[in-house]
């Protein structure tokens, strides 16, 4: 199967959001909000559109990754870093290495733009295979001074995340997401049943 990693085109926005919705539906919670987040991020000041990529296979969009600007803050300075997400692949095309291709293509592009590192909240089992480590490796915590395995980072340059004691701040768009707005936006899509499934993060 030929997979092309390329920039997203505006005419594909609806197709990309539909794919994102399929990828996350009932995965972490009944329904999902990630397709609405994609919609918001495209026009958010924190988005880095130069790094947005889609995966194309069989003539359609089957994967997506977006990046946003984040900050590490110490008592002395603020360090611009990146966060990615959503990173997703259509359920019919998962476990074929497409997510890894999206990830590594864009990490290389982010390095070329001069960013020192990337910090995410993600699956340790998956991302440790792709050069990510718990942020405790560098003494970085969340803004609430928390540290856990799913809070991970990847240096794009040697020492790029070596800021012991730094706090991580992601873009406000992630914490200000309105569930009422998600419900309203979801009405434009075909009906899919919300299910409460074992292993979901939220009921």
Protein backbone atom coordinates (compact mmCIF):
# COMPACT_ATOMS: atom_id res chain seq x y z
CA UNK A 1 0.00 0.00 0.00
CA UNK A 2 1.38 3.39 -1.01
CA UNK A 3 1.04 6.03 1.72
CA UNK A 4 1.74 9.68 0.92
CA UNK A 5 2.51 12.11 3.75
CA UNK A 6 1.70 15.65 2.61
CA UNK A 7 0.22 19.00 3.58
CA UNK A 8 -3.51 19.21 4.16
CA UNK A 9 -5.62 21.06 1.61
CA UNK A 10 -8.49 23.31 2.62
CA UNK A 11 -10.92 21.37 0.44
CA UNK A 12 -10.17 18.30 2.60
CA UNK A 13 -11.11 19.85 5.93
CA UNK A 14 -14.46 18.07 6.17
CA UNK A 15 -12.97 14.74 5.09
CA UNK A 16 -10.17 15.08 7.63
CA UNK A 17 -12.59 15.86 10.46
CA UNK A 18 -14.77 12.89 9.55
CA UNK A 19 -11.71 10.64 9.60
CA UNK A 20 -10.64 12.07 12.97
CA UNK A 21 -14.12 11.44 14.36
CA UNK A 22 -14.02 7.80 13.23
CA UNK A 23 -10.57 7.36 14.76
CA UNK A 24 -11.55 8.62 18.22
CA UNK A 25 -15.23 7.69 18.46
CA UNK A 26 -15.86 5.85 21.75
CA UNK A 27 -12.11 5.34 22.22
CA UNK A 28 -11.45 7.39 25.35
CA UNK A 29 -15.01 8.37 26.23
CA UNK A 30 -18.52 7.90 24.81
CA UNK A 31 -18.37 9.77 21.50
CA UNK A 32 -15.37 12.09 21.06
CA UNK A 33 -14.37 15.74 20.78
CA UNK A 34 -11.17 15.50 18.74
CA UNK A 35 -12.80 16.35 15.39
CA UNK A 36 -14.05 19.61 16.89
CA UNK A 37 -10.60 20.26 18.33
CA UNK A 38 -9.14 19.89 14.82
CA UNK A 39 -11.69 22.43 13.60
CA UNK A 40 -10.64 24.91 16.32
CA UNK A 41 -6.91 24.38 15.97
CA UNK A 42 -6.81 25.32 12.31
CA UNK A 43 -7.54 28.95 13.22
CA UNK A 44 -5.98 29.08 16.68
CA UNK A 45 -2.95 31.32 17.15
CA UNK A 46 -1.03 28.48 18.77
CA UNK A 47 -1.31 26.19 15.74
CA UNK A 48 1.82 25.66 13.63
CA UNK A 49 0.27 25.10 10.17
CA UNK A 50 3.68 24.45 8.58
CA UNK A 51 3.70 21.14 10.46
CA UNK A 52 0.15 19.96 9.75
CA UNK A 53 0.30 16.78 7.69
CA UNK A 54 -2.19 14.24 6.41
CA UNK A 55 -1.59 10.70 5.25
CA UNK A 56 -3.18 9.76 1.94
CA UNK A 57 -3.82 6.17 0.85
CA UNK A 58 -6.16 4.75 -1.76
CA UNK A 59 -7.03 8.29 -2.83
CA UNK A 60 -8.36 9.46 0.54
CA UNK A 61 -7.20 11.01 3.81
CA UNK A 62 -6.43 8.26 6.32
CA UNK A 63 -4.30 10.06 8.91
CA UNK A 64 -3.61 13.45 10.47
CA UNK A 65 -1.20 15.23 12.81
CA UNK A 66 -1.31 18.84 14.03
CA UNK A 67 1.16 20.78 16.17
CA UNK A 68 0.71 23.68 18.58
CA UNK A 69 3.13 26.00 20.32
CA UNK A 70 3.68 25.38 24.03
CA UNK A 71 6.00 26.76 26.69
CA UNK A 72 8.41 25.59 29.32
CA UNK A 73 8.69 28.15 32.10
CA UNK A 74 11.44 28.45 34.67
CA UNK A 75 12.02 31.26 37.16
CA UNK A 76 14.41 32.85 34.65
CA UNK A 77 13.05 32.16 31.19
CA UNK A 78 10.37 30.83 28.83
CA UNK A 79 11.36 28.20 26.27
CA UNK A 80 9.14 27.68 23.18
CA UNK A 81 8.45 24.00 22.56
CA UNK A 82 5.84 22.04 20.60
CA UNK A 83 2.96 19.74 21.35
CA UNK A 84 1.25 17.55 18.78
CA UNK A 85 -2.27 16.24 18.75
CA UNK A 86 -4.52 14.99 17.56
CA UNK A 87 -2.42 12.31 15.88
CA UNK A 88 -4.80 9.79 14.39
CA UNK A 89 -5.29 7.17 11.71
CA UNK A 90 -8.56 5.92 10.26
CA UNK A 91 -9.54 2.66 12.04
CA UNK A 92 -9.49 0.78 8.71
CA UNK A 93 -5.81 1.75 8.21
CA UNK A 94 -4.42 1.37 11.72
CA UNK A 95 -1.46 -0.86 12.63
CA UNK A 96 0.16 -0.27 9.25
CA UNK A 97 2.83 2.20 10.40
CA UNK A 98 0.98 5.28 9.15
CA UNK A 99 0.99 7.04 12.51
CA UNK A 100 4.74 6.50 12.82
CA UNK A 101 5.28 7.98 9.35
CA UNK A 102 3.26 11.06 10.25
CA UNK A 103 5.18 11.41 13.50
CA UNK A 104 8.71 11.07 12.19
CA UNK A 105 8.10 13.18 9.09
CA UNK A 106 6.87 16.05 11.22
CA UNK A 107 9.48 15.68 13.97
CA UNK A 108 12.12 16.17 11.30
CA UNK A 109 10.24 19.23 10.00
CA UNK A 110 9.91 20.64 13.52
CA UNK A 111 13.65 20.26 14.05
CA UNK A 112 14.26 22.11 10.78
CA UNK A 113 12.12 24.98 12.09
CA UNK A 114 14.42 25.29 15.09
CA UNK A 115 12.23 23.95 17.89
CA UNK A 116 14.24 22.32 20.70
CA UNK A 117 11.75 19.64 21.67
CA UNK A 118 8.23 18.24 21.76
CA UNK A 119 6.16 17.46 24.84
CA UNK A 120 2.97 15.41 24.83
CA UNK A 121 0.48 13.49 26.91
CA UNK A 122 0.37 10.05 25.31
CA UNK A 123 0.71 6.29 25.60
CA UNK A 124 4.12 5.42 27.06
CA UNK A 125 4.12 1.98 25.45
CA UNK A 126 3.70 3.51 21.99
CA UNK A 127 5.75 6.68 22.16
CA UNK A 128 8.78 5.20 23.89
CA UNK A 129 9.28 3.26 20.64
CA UNK A 130 9.65 6.59 18.82
CA UNK A 131 12.19 8.42 20.94
CA UNK A 132 9.99 9.81 23.72
CA UNK A 133 10.80 9.60 27.43
CA UNK A 134 8.95 10.59 30.62
CA UNK A 135 9.54 14.30 31.29
CA UNK A 136 10.96 13.37 34.68
CA UNK A 137 14.11 12.54 32.71
CA UNK A 138 14.73 16.31 32.46
CA UNK A 139 13.05 17.40 35.69
CA UNK A 140 10.10 18.94 33.84
CA UNK A 141 6.62 18.87 35.40
CA UNK A 142 3.14 19.93 34.38
CA UNK A 143 1.93 23.39 35.37
CA UNK A 144 0.40 21.72 38.46
CA UNK A 145 3.81 20.25 39.37
CA UNK A 146 2.74 16.74 38.42
CA UNK A 147 4.87 14.07 36.79
CA UNK A 148 3.69 10.73 35.39
CA UNK A 149 4.65 8.23 32.70
CA UNK A 150 2.19 9.56 30.08
CA UNK A 151 3.73 13.05 30.33
CA UNK A 152 6.50 12.61 27.78
CA UNK A 153 9.05 14.53 25.75
CA UNK A 154 11.40 14.18 22.81
CA UNK A 155 14.48 16.34 22.30
CA UNK A 156 14.95 17.60 18.75
CA UNK A 157 18.41 18.94 19.54
CA UNK A 158 20.83 17.70 22.22
CA UNK A 159 19.88 19.30 25.53
CA UNK A 160 16.74 20.78 24.02
CA UNK A 161 14.61 19.85 27.03
CA UNK A 162 17.26 20.09 29.73
CA UNK A 163 15.52 22.65 31.92
CA UNK A 164 15.27 21.10 35.42
CA UNK A 165 12.40 22.55 37.41
CA UNK A 166 10.56 23.88 34.35
CA UNK A 167 6.78 23.78 34.19
CA UNK A 168 4.96 22.87 30.98
CA UNK A 169 2.11 25.00 29.63
CA UNK A 170 0.10 23.94 26.60
CA UNK A 171 -2.08 26.22 24.50
CA UNK A 172 -5.29 27.46 26.24
CA UNK A 173 -7.45 25.95 23.48
CA UNK A 174 -7.00 22.51 25.04
CA UNK A 175 -8.32 23.47 28.47
CA UNK A 176 -11.08 25.80 27.26
CA UNK A 177 -12.87 23.27 25.06
CA UNK A 178 -16.64 23.52 25.55
CA UNK A 179 -18.52 20.22 25.59
CA UNK A 180 -21.71 22.09 24.68
CA UNK A 181 -19.94 23.41 21.58
CA UNK A 182 -18.74 19.89 20.78
CA UNK A 183 -22.31 18.59 20.94
CA UNK A 184 -23.55 21.36 18.66
CA UNK A 185 -20.74 20.89 16.15
CA UNK A 186 -21.27 17.14 16.09
CA UNK A 187 -24.76 17.65 14.64
CA UNK A 188 -23.22 18.32 11.21
CA UNK A 189 -21.93 14.74 11.03
CA UNK A 190 -23.72 11.46 10.43
CA UNK A 191 -25.15 9.87 13.56
CA UNK A 192 -22.88 7.45 15.43
CA UNK A 193 -23.93 5.82 18.69
CA UNK A 194 -22.11 6.84 21.83
CA UNK A 195 -21.10 3.81 23.87
CA UNK A 196 -19.63 3.37 27.31
CA UNK A 197 -16.90 0.76 26.85
CA UNK A 198 -14.36 -0.89 29.14
CA UNK A 199 -11.05 0.96 29.30
CA UNK A 200 -12.39 4.41 28.47
CA UNK A 201 -10.79 7.26 30.40
CA UNK A 202 -14.10 9.03 30.96
CA UNK A 203 -17.58 7.71 31.60
